[in-house]
């Protein structure tokens, strides 16, 4: 889990190739949620993330888009849980959504 205020993709930029980071930034398919996911993966599973990138940028970006969609849908449906003060991470965990790579 990431704590504190960091610019999106700061951690991922230390792990992934600049071309991969640029592809994520340029693509309209990815938004802040996806950027946070990529940073989380870079922080928690840097070796797995590098291995996924080595399989191909398209594979990594496809996996990221899938995770972004799952998390975004769950978080937008969880207004009641947000109102009780739960964090995004707690909401995802309580709904058994894996955030790991």
N, C-alpha and C. Protein backbone atom coordinates (compact mmCIF):
# COMPACT_ATOMS: atom_id res chain seq x y z
N UNK A 1 0.84 -1.17 0.00
CA UNK A 1 0.00 0.00 0.00
C UNK A 1 0.89 1.24 0.00
N UNK A 2 0.50 2.23 -0.73
CA UNK A 2 1.25 3.46 -0.81
C UNK A 2 0.67 4.48 0.15
N UNK A 3 1.55 5.18 0.84
CA UNK A 3 1.11 6.17 1.80
C UNK A 3 1.74 7.51 1.45
N UNK A 4 0.98 8.58 1.65
CA UNK A 4 1.50 9.91 1.38
C UNK A 4 1.12 10.38 -0.01
N UNK A 5 1.47 11.62 -0.26
CA UNK A 5 1.15 12.23 -1.53
C UNK A 5 2.35 12.11 -2.48
N UNK A 6 2.16 11.33 -3.52
CA UNK A 6 3.20 11.17 -4.53
C UNK A 6 2.58 11.50 -5.87
N UNK A 7 3.38 11.99 -6.77
CA UNK A 7 2.90 12.19 -8.12
C UNK A 7 2.64 10.83 -8.73
N UNK A 8 1.54 10.68 -9.47
CA UNK A 8 1.24 9.40 -10.11
C UNK A 8 2.39 8.94 -11.01
N UNK A 9 2.65 7.66 -10.98
CA UNK A 9 3.66 6.96 -11.78
C UNK A 9 5.10 7.24 -11.34
N UNK A 10 5.29 7.89 -10.20
CA UNK A 10 6.65 8.16 -9.71
C UNK A 10 7.40 6.87 -9.41
N UNK A 11 6.74 5.96 -8.71
CA UNK A 11 7.39 4.70 -8.33
C UNK A 11 7.53 3.80 -9.55
N UNK A 12 6.49 3.71 -10.35
CA UNK A 12 6.54 2.87 -11.54
C UNK A 12 7.64 3.31 -12.50
N UNK A 13 7.88 4.62 -12.57
CA UNK A 13 8.91 5.14 -13.47
C UNK A 13 10.31 4.68 -13.08
N UNK A 14 10.49 4.30 -11.82
CA UNK A 14 11.79 3.80 -11.36
C UNK A 14 11.99 2.33 -11.71
N UNK A 15 10.90 1.64 -12.04
CA UNK A 15 10.94 0.20 -12.29
C UNK A 15 10.81 -0.13 -13.77
N UNK A 16 9.91 0.58 -14.46
CA UNK A 16 9.59 0.27 -15.85
C UNK A 16 10.38 1.13 -16.84
N UNK A 17 10.39 0.68 -18.07
CA UNK A 17 11.06 1.42 -19.13
C UNK A 17 10.31 2.74 -19.39
N UNK A 18 11.05 3.77 -19.77
CA UNK A 18 10.40 5.05 -20.07
C UNK A 18 9.32 4.93 -21.16
N UNK A 19 9.52 4.04 -22.12
CA UNK A 19 8.52 3.88 -23.18
C UNK A 19 7.21 3.31 -22.65
N UNK A 20 7.30 2.44 -21.65
CA UNK A 20 6.09 1.88 -21.05
C UNK A 20 5.35 2.95 -20.27
N UNK A 21 6.06 3.74 -19.50
CA UNK A 21 5.44 4.82 -18.73
C UNK A 21 4.78 5.82 -19.68
N UNK A 22 5.46 6.15 -20.75
CA UNK A 22 4.91 7.10 -21.72
C UNK A 22 3.65 6.54 -22.39
N UNK A 23 3.64 5.26 -22.67
CA UNK A 23 2.45 4.64 -23.27
C UNK A 23 1.25 4.74 -22.33
N UNK A 24 1.48 4.56 -21.04
CA UNK A 24 0.39 4.67 -20.05
C UNK A 24 -0.08 6.11 -19.95
N UNK A 25 0.85 7.04 -19.92
CA UNK A 25 0.48 8.47 -19.82
C UNK A 25 -0.31 8.95 -21.04
N UNK A 26 0.09 8.51 -22.20
CA UNK A 26 -0.54 8.97 -23.46
C UNK A 26 -1.89 8.35 -23.73
N UNK A 27 -2.09 7.15 -23.26
CA UNK A 27 -3.31 6.42 -23.59
C UNK A 27 -4.52 6.98 -22.85
N UNK A 28 -5.60 7.24 -23.58
CA UNK A 28 -6.83 7.69 -22.91
C UNK A 28 -7.52 6.55 -22.14
N UNK A 29 -7.04 5.33 -22.30
CA UNK A 29 -7.64 4.18 -21.60
C UNK A 29 -7.30 4.16 -20.12
N UNK A 30 -6.22 4.80 -19.74
CA UNK A 30 -5.76 4.76 -18.35
C UNK A 30 -6.01 6.10 -17.68
N UNK A 31 -6.42 6.03 -16.43
CA UNK A 31 -6.66 7.24 -15.66
C UNK A 31 -5.99 7.09 -14.29
N UNK A 32 -6.29 7.99 -13.39
CA UNK A 32 -5.61 8.01 -12.10
C UNK A 32 -5.64 6.66 -11.39
N UNK A 33 -6.75 5.96 -11.43
CA UNK A 33 -6.84 4.66 -10.77
C UNK A 33 -5.79 3.70 -11.34
N UNK A 34 -5.65 3.66 -12.66
CA UNK A 34 -4.64 2.81 -13.28
C UNK A 34 -3.23 3.20 -12.91
N UNK A 35 -3.00 4.50 -12.84
CA UNK A 35 -1.67 4.97 -12.45
C UNK A 35 -1.33 4.57 -11.02
N UNK A 36 -2.33 4.64 -10.14
CA UNK A 36 -2.12 4.21 -8.75
C UNK A 36 -1.83 2.71 -8.68
N UNK A 37 -2.54 1.95 -9.48
CA UNK A 37 -2.33 0.50 -9.52
C UNK A 37 -0.90 0.20 -9.95
N UNK A 38 -0.45 0.85 -11.00
CA UNK A 38 0.90 0.61 -11.51
C UNK A 38 1.95 0.97 -10.46
N UNK A 39 1.76 2.09 -9.76
CA UNK A 39 2.68 2.45 -8.68
C UNK A 39 2.65 1.40 -7.56
N UNK A 40 1.47 0.93 -7.22
CA UNK A 40 1.35 -0.08 -6.17
C UNK A 40 2.07 -1.36 -6.56
N UNK A 41 1.86 -1.79 -7.80
CA UNK A 41 2.57 -2.98 -8.28
C UNK A 41 4.08 -2.77 -8.24
N UNK A 42 4.53 -1.60 -8.65
CA UNK A 42 5.96 -1.32 -8.65
C UNK A 42 6.53 -1.35 -7.23
N UNK A 43 5.77 -0.84 -6.28
CA UNK A 43 6.21 -0.81 -4.89
C UNK A 43 6.19 -2.20 -4.26
N UNK A 44 5.10 -2.93 -4.47
CA UNK A 44 4.91 -4.22 -3.79
C UNK A 44 5.47 -5.43 -4.53
N UNK A 45 5.58 -5.35 -5.85
CA UNK A 45 5.98 -6.51 -6.66
C UNK A 45 6.86 -6.10 -7.83
N UNK A 46 7.92 -5.39 -7.54
CA UNK A 46 8.75 -4.83 -8.62
C UNK A 46 9.30 -5.90 -9.57
N UNK A 47 9.72 -7.03 -9.02
CA UNK A 47 10.28 -8.09 -9.89
C UNK A 47 9.20 -8.69 -10.79
N UNK A 48 8.02 -8.92 -10.25
CA UNK A 48 6.92 -9.45 -11.06
C UNK A 48 6.53 -8.46 -12.14
N UNK A 49 6.54 -7.18 -11.79
CA UNK A 49 6.19 -6.15 -12.77
C UNK A 49 7.21 -6.10 -13.90
N UNK A 50 8.48 -6.18 -13.56
CA UNK A 50 9.54 -6.21 -14.59
C UNK A 50 9.38 -7.44 -15.48
N UNK A 51 9.06 -8.58 -14.87
CA UNK A 51 8.88 -9.82 -15.63
C UNK A 51 7.69 -9.69 -16.58
N UNK A 52 6.62 -9.08 -16.10
CA UNK A 52 5.44 -8.88 -16.95
C UNK A 52 5.78 -7.95 -18.12
N UNK A 53 6.53 -6.91 -17.85
CA UNK A 53 6.94 -6.00 -18.91
C UNK A 53 7.83 -6.72 -19.93
N UNK A 54 8.67 -7.62 -19.44
CA UNK A 54 9.55 -8.38 -20.33
C UNK A 54 8.76 -9.29 -21.27
N UNK A 55 7.57 -9.72 -20.84
CA UNK A 55 6.70 -10.52 -21.71
C UNK A 55 6.14 -9.69 -22.85
N UNK A 56 6.12 -8.39 -22.66
CA UNK A 56 5.64 -7.49 -23.72
C UNK A 56 4.81 -6.36 -23.13
N UNK A 57 5.03 -5.18 -23.67
CA UNK A 57 4.30 -4.01 -23.20
C UNK A 57 2.79 -4.20 -23.34
N UNK A 58 2.37 -4.82 -24.42
CA UNK A 58 0.94 -5.03 -24.65
C UNK A 58 0.34 -5.93 -23.57
N UNK A 59 1.07 -6.93 -23.15
CA UNK A 59 0.59 -7.84 -22.11
C UNK A 59 0.46 -7.09 -20.78
N UNK A 60 1.47 -6.32 -20.44
CA UNK A 60 1.42 -5.54 -19.21
C UNK A 60 0.26 -4.55 -19.24
N UNK A 61 0.12 -3.82 -20.34
CA UNK A 61 -0.94 -2.82 -20.44
C UNK A 61 -2.32 -3.46 -20.43
N UNK A 62 -2.45 -4.63 -21.01
CA UNK A 62 -3.72 -5.35 -20.97
C UNK A 62 -4.08 -5.77 -19.55
N UNK A 63 -3.09 -6.25 -18.81
CA UNK A 63 -3.31 -6.65 -17.41
C UNK A 63 -3.68 -5.44 -16.56
N UNK A 64 -3.01 -4.32 -16.81
CA UNK A 64 -3.30 -3.09 -16.09
C UNK A 64 -4.72 -2.60 -16.38
N UNK A 65 -5.13 -2.64 -17.63
CA UNK A 65 -6.47 -2.20 -17.99
C UNK A 65 -7.53 -3.09 -17.33
N UNK A 66 -7.27 -4.37 -17.29
CA UNK A 66 -8.19 -5.31 -16.63
C UNK A 66 -8.33 -4.97 -15.14
N UNK A 67 -7.20 -4.76 -14.47
CA UNK A 67 -7.23 -4.46 -13.04
C UNK A 67 -7.89 -3.10 -12.78
N UNK A 68 -7.58 -2.13 -13.63
CA UNK A 68 -8.17 -0.80 -13.48
C UNK A 68 -9.69 -0.87 -13.59
N UNK A 69 -10.18 -1.63 -14.55
CA UNK A 69 -11.62 -1.78 -14.75
C UNK A 69 -12.28 -2.42 -13.55
N UNK A 70 -11.69 -3.48 -13.04
CA UNK A 70 -12.24 -4.18 -11.87
C UNK A 70 -12.31 -3.25 -10.67
N UNK A 71 -11.20 -2.59 -10.38
CA UNK A 71 -11.16 -1.72 -9.21
C UNK A 71 -12.08 -0.51 -9.36
N UNK A 72 -12.08 0.09 -10.53
CA UNK A 72 -12.92 1.26 -10.76
C UNK A 72 -14.40 0.92 -10.59
N UNK A 73 -14.81 -0.20 -11.16
CA UNK A 73 -16.21 -0.61 -11.03
C UNK A 73 -16.58 -0.85 -9.57
N UNK A 74 -15.73 -1.52 -8.84
CA UNK A 74 -16.01 -1.82 -7.44
C UNK A 74 -16.07 -0.53 -6.62
N UNK A 75 -15.13 0.36 -6.84
CA UNK A 75 -15.08 1.59 -6.05
C UNK A 75 -16.24 2.52 -6.36
N UNK A 76 -16.71 2.54 -7.58
CA UNK A 76 -17.85 3.40 -7.91
C UNK A 76 -19.15 2.83 -7.37
N UNK A 77 -19.22 1.52 -7.16
CA UNK A 77 -20.43 0.89 -6.60
C UNK A 77 -20.44 0.93 -5.08
N UNK A 78 -19.37 1.36 -4.47
CA UNK A 78 -19.22 1.25 -3.02
C UNK A 78 -19.39 2.58 -2.30
N UNK A 79 -20.34 3.37 -2.72
CA UNK A 79 -20.57 4.66 -2.09
C UNK A 79 -20.89 4.53 -0.61
N UNK A 80 -21.69 3.54 -0.26
CA UNK A 80 -22.06 3.35 1.14
C UNK A 80 -20.83 3.09 2.01
N UNK A 81 -19.93 2.26 1.52
CA UNK A 81 -18.72 1.96 2.27
C UNK A 81 -17.83 3.20 2.39
N UNK A 82 -17.79 4.02 1.35
CA UNK A 82 -17.01 5.26 1.40
C UNK A 82 -17.55 6.19 2.47
N UNK A 83 -18.88 6.23 2.57
CA UNK A 83 -19.50 7.13 3.54
C UNK A 83 -19.21 6.72 4.98
N UNK A 84 -18.84 5.47 5.18
CA UNK A 84 -18.48 5.02 6.52
C UNK A 84 -17.01 5.30 6.82
N UNK A 85 -16.29 5.85 5.86
CA UNK A 85 -14.90 6.22 6.07
C UNK A 85 -13.89 5.20 5.62
N UNK A 86 -14.32 4.16 4.93
CA UNK A 86 -13.39 3.14 4.46
C UNK A 86 -12.51 3.70 3.34
N UNK A 87 -11.25 3.29 3.32
CA UNK A 87 -10.34 3.69 2.25
C UNK A 87 -10.58 2.81 1.02
N UNK A 88 -10.06 3.23 -0.11
CA UNK A 88 -10.18 2.42 -1.33
C UNK A 88 -9.63 1.02 -1.09
N UNK A 89 -8.48 0.94 -0.46
CA UNK A 89 -7.85 -0.36 -0.22
C UNK A 89 -8.74 -1.24 0.66
N UNK A 90 -9.34 -0.66 1.68
CA UNK A 90 -10.22 -1.42 2.56
C UNK A 90 -11.48 -1.89 1.82
N UNK A 91 -12.01 -1.03 0.96
CA UNK A 91 -13.19 -1.41 0.19
C UNK A 91 -12.87 -2.58 -0.72
N UNK A 92 -11.75 -2.50 -1.42
CA UNK A 92 -11.37 -3.59 -2.33
C UNK A 92 -11.14 -4.88 -1.55
N UNK A 93 -10.45 -4.80 -0.42
CA UNK A 93 -10.18 -5.99 0.38
C UNK A 93 -11.48 -6.59 0.92
N UNK A 94 -12.39 -5.76 1.38
CA UNK A 94 -13.65 -6.28 1.94
C UNK A 94 -14.52 -6.94 0.89
N UNK A 95 -14.31 -6.57 -0.35
CA UNK A 95 -15.05 -7.18 -1.46
C UNK A 95 -14.23 -8.26 -2.18
N UNK A 96 -13.13 -8.66 -1.53
CA UNK A 96 -12.27 -9.73 -2.01
C UNK A 96 -11.71 -9.48 -3.41
N UNK A 97 -11.34 -8.22 -3.66
CA UNK A 97 -10.70 -7.85 -4.92
C UNK A 97 -9.20 -7.81 -4.66
N UNK A 98 -8.47 -8.67 -5.32
CA UNK A 98 -7.01 -8.72 -5.16
C UNK A 98 -6.39 -7.51 -5.84
N UNK A 99 -5.49 -6.85 -5.12
CA UNK A 99 -4.78 -5.71 -5.70
C UNK A 99 -3.34 -6.07 -6.03
N UNK A 100 -2.99 -7.31 -5.80
CA UNK A 100 -1.63 -7.77 -6.08
C UNK A 100 -1.46 -8.15 -7.54
N UNK A 101 -0.26 -8.06 -8.01
CA UNK A 101 0.06 -8.40 -9.40
C UNK A 101 0.07 -9.90 -9.56
